[in-house]
């Protein structure tokens, strides 16, 4: 199973779009508090459309709480602009893969990144991409490696 983890997301539009992405790719969405918005936010629901209720969402108080539930054989990848491996070079075919994305304005703390590998999306002319765009790029590379979406 694929898991998308948003560590302290700040912008409801991004979370709503990533929720739809997770529904479309049969991935589970994990939100780690603190959230920069309410889950009742109109913007979140507008971007998530009527799909939000169908998204498999789990809410966690901290990274440590989520990480304690991750199986030992799962792959955990943090996606950050300073990652040491391009996302397409990572083996995203493990049974359980967690793709962790940080808050839009500050990224994932190094203390959290130390518990996995750090990937980057190669880019030119900008230091970062929109969070929902970045999640889509990495998720669909994972699906490509896995042979698509299984029924």
Protein backbone atom coordinates (compact mmCIF):
# COMPACT_ATOMS: atom_id res chain seq x y z
CA UNK A 1 0.00 0.00 0.00
CA UNK A 2 1.10 3.54 -0.71
CA UNK A 3 0.95 6.15 2.03
CA UNK A 4 1.23 9.91 1.63
CA UNK A 5 2.19 11.67 4.84
CA UNK A 6 1.78 15.43 5.22
CA UNK A 7 3.85 16.64 8.14
CA UNK A 8 2.12 19.69 9.63
CA UNK A 9 0.49 20.89 6.40
CA UNK A 10 -0.35 24.58 6.31
CA UNK A 11 -2.46 25.20 3.20
CA UNK A 12 -5.92 23.62 2.88
CA UNK A 13 -5.91 23.78 -0.94
CA UNK A 14 -2.84 21.55 -1.09
CA UNK A 15 -4.23 19.05 1.40
CA UNK A 16 -7.55 18.87 -0.48
CA UNK A 17 -5.77 18.27 -3.80
CA UNK A 18 -3.51 15.63 -2.24
CA UNK A 19 -6.57 13.96 -0.73
CA UNK A 20 -8.07 13.60 -4.22
CA UNK A 21 -4.71 12.30 -5.46
CA UNK A 22 -4.74 9.66 -2.72
CA UNK A 23 -8.27 8.61 -3.61
CA UNK A 24 -7.33 8.35 -7.29
CA UNK A 25 -4.25 6.25 -6.55
CA UNK A 26 -5.69 4.13 -3.72
CA UNK A 27 -3.24 5.57 -1.25
CA UNK A 28 -3.82 6.36 2.41
CA UNK A 29 -3.37 9.98 3.50
CA UNK A 30 -1.78 10.67 6.88
CA UNK A 31 -1.94 14.16 8.39
CA UNK A 32 0.43 14.94 11.24
CA UNK A 33 -0.59 17.75 13.56
CA UNK A 34 -0.41 20.62 14.00
CA UNK A 35 -2.51 21.49 10.96
CA UNK A 36 -2.49 25.04 9.66
CA UNK A 37 -6.26 24.85 9.07
CA UNK A 38 -9.39 23.09 10.27
CA UNK A 39 -10.52 19.88 8.58
CA UNK A 40 -13.86 21.67 8.29
CA UNK A 41 -12.23 24.46 6.26
CA UNK A 42 -14.32 25.50 3.21
CA UNK A 43 -11.20 25.72 1.03
CA UNK A 44 -10.19 22.16 1.90
CA UNK A 45 -13.64 20.86 1.06
CA UNK A 46 -13.89 22.95 -2.12
CA UNK A 47 -10.65 21.52 -3.51
CA UNK A 48 -11.45 18.03 -2.24
CA UNK A 49 -14.90 18.38 -3.82
CA UNK A 50 -17.36 15.70 -2.82
CA UNK A 51 -14.50 13.17 -2.72
CA UNK A 52 -13.12 14.21 0.66
CA UNK A 53 -15.47 11.86 2.55
CA UNK A 54 -14.11 8.90 0.53
CA UNK A 55 -10.43 9.62 1.20
CA UNK A 56 -8.73 7.19 3.60
CA UNK A 57 -7.39 9.80 6.05
CA UNK A 58 -5.61 9.18 9.34
CA UNK A 59 -4.79 11.99 11.76
CA UNK A 60 -1.74 11.75 14.03
CA UNK A 61 -0.62 13.87 16.96
CA UNK A 62 3.08 13.57 16.04
CA UNK A 63 5.56 11.95 13.67
CA UNK A 64 6.60 9.63 16.49
CA UNK A 65 3.03 8.38 16.91
CA UNK A 66 2.73 7.52 13.19
CA UNK A 67 6.27 6.15 12.93
CA UNK A 68 5.61 3.71 15.77
CA UNK A 69 2.96 2.03 13.56
CA UNK A 70 5.18 1.67 10.47
CA UNK A 71 6.20 -1.95 9.86
CA UNK A 72 9.93 -2.73 9.92
CA UNK A 73 9.96 -3.77 6.24
CA UNK A 74 8.19 -0.61 5.02
CA UNK A 75 10.09 1.98 2.99
CA UNK A 76 9.98 5.54 4.34
CA UNK A 77 11.01 8.33 1.99
CA UNK A 78 11.10 12.03 2.83
CA UNK A 79 10.69 14.34 -0.16
CA UNK A 80 12.70 17.54 0.26
CA UNK A 81 14.59 19.86 -2.09
CA UNK A 82 17.88 18.91 -0.41
CA UNK A 83 17.36 15.14 -0.78
CA UNK A 84 20.35 13.06 -1.83
CA UNK A 85 18.55 10.89 -4.43
CA UNK A 86 16.23 11.73 -7.32
CA UNK A 87 12.75 10.34 -6.76
CA UNK A 88 12.96 8.20 -9.90
CA UNK A 89 16.10 6.48 -8.59
CA UNK A 90 14.37 5.27 -5.42
CA UNK A 91 12.87 1.78 -5.28
CA UNK A 92 9.22 2.59 -4.66
CA UNK A 93 8.03 -0.99 -5.18
CA UNK A 94 8.08 -2.23 -1.56
CA UNK A 95 4.76 -3.46 -0.22
CA UNK A 96 4.38 -0.49 2.12
CA UNK A 97 5.84 2.84 0.98
CA UNK A 98 5.49 6.06 2.96
CA UNK A 99 6.13 9.31 1.09
CA UNK A 100 6.53 12.12 3.60
CA UNK A 101 6.13 15.77 2.60
CA UNK A 102 6.77 18.74 4.87
CA UNK A 103 4.92 21.97 5.55
CA UNK A 104 4.89 24.41 2.68
CA UNK A 105 6.94 27.16 4.34
CA UNK A 106 9.62 25.31 6.27
CA UNK A 107 10.02 21.68 5.22
CA UNK A 108 10.55 18.63 7.40
CA UNK A 109 12.79 18.99 10.48
CA UNK A 110 16.11 17.15 10.24
CA UNK A 111 15.27 15.25 13.42
CA UNK A 112 12.36 13.62 11.56
CA UNK A 113 14.25 13.05 8.29
CA UNK A 114 16.87 11.02 10.14
CA UNK A 115 14.37 8.11 10.29
CA UNK A 116 14.40 7.43 6.52
CA UNK A 117 15.86 8.26 3.12
CA UNK A 118 15.53 11.72 1.63
CA UNK A 119 14.46 12.14 -2.00
CA UNK A 120 14.38 15.18 -4.23
CA UNK A 121 12.51 16.08 -7.39
CA UNK A 122 15.14 17.41 -9.82
CA UNK A 123 14.24 20.89 -11.04
CA UNK A 124 15.79 23.91 -12.71
CA UNK A 125 15.18 27.57 -12.04
CA UNK A 126 13.21 27.24 -8.79
CA UNK A 127 13.97 25.94 -5.31
CA UNK A 128 10.63 24.20 -4.80
CA UNK A 129 7.31 23.14 -6.31
CA UNK A 130 3.77 23.41 -5.03
CA UNK A 131 3.20 20.66 -2.45
CA UNK A 132 0.30 19.05 -4.34
CA UNK A 133 2.32 19.07 -7.56
CA UNK A 134 5.30 17.47 -5.83
CA UNK A 135 3.10 14.76 -4.28
CA UNK A 136 1.58 14.00 -7.69
CA UNK A 137 4.98 13.69 -9.36
CA UNK A 138 6.32 11.24 -6.80
CA UNK A 139 3.08 9.24 -6.44
CA UNK A 140 2.79 8.62 -10.16
CA UNK A 141 6.44 7.59 -10.37
CA UNK A 142 5.69 5.07 -7.63
CA UNK A 143 2.69 3.81 -9.60
CA UNK A 144 4.80 3.56 -12.75
CA UNK A 145 7.35 1.45 -10.90
CA UNK A 146 4.59 -0.72 -9.43
CA UNK A 147 2.91 -1.34 -12.78
CA UNK A 148 -0.08 0.97 -12.30
CA UNK A 149 -3.13 0.98 -10.09
CA UNK A 150 -4.34 -2.47 -9.13
CA UNK A 151 -8.07 -3.20 -9.01
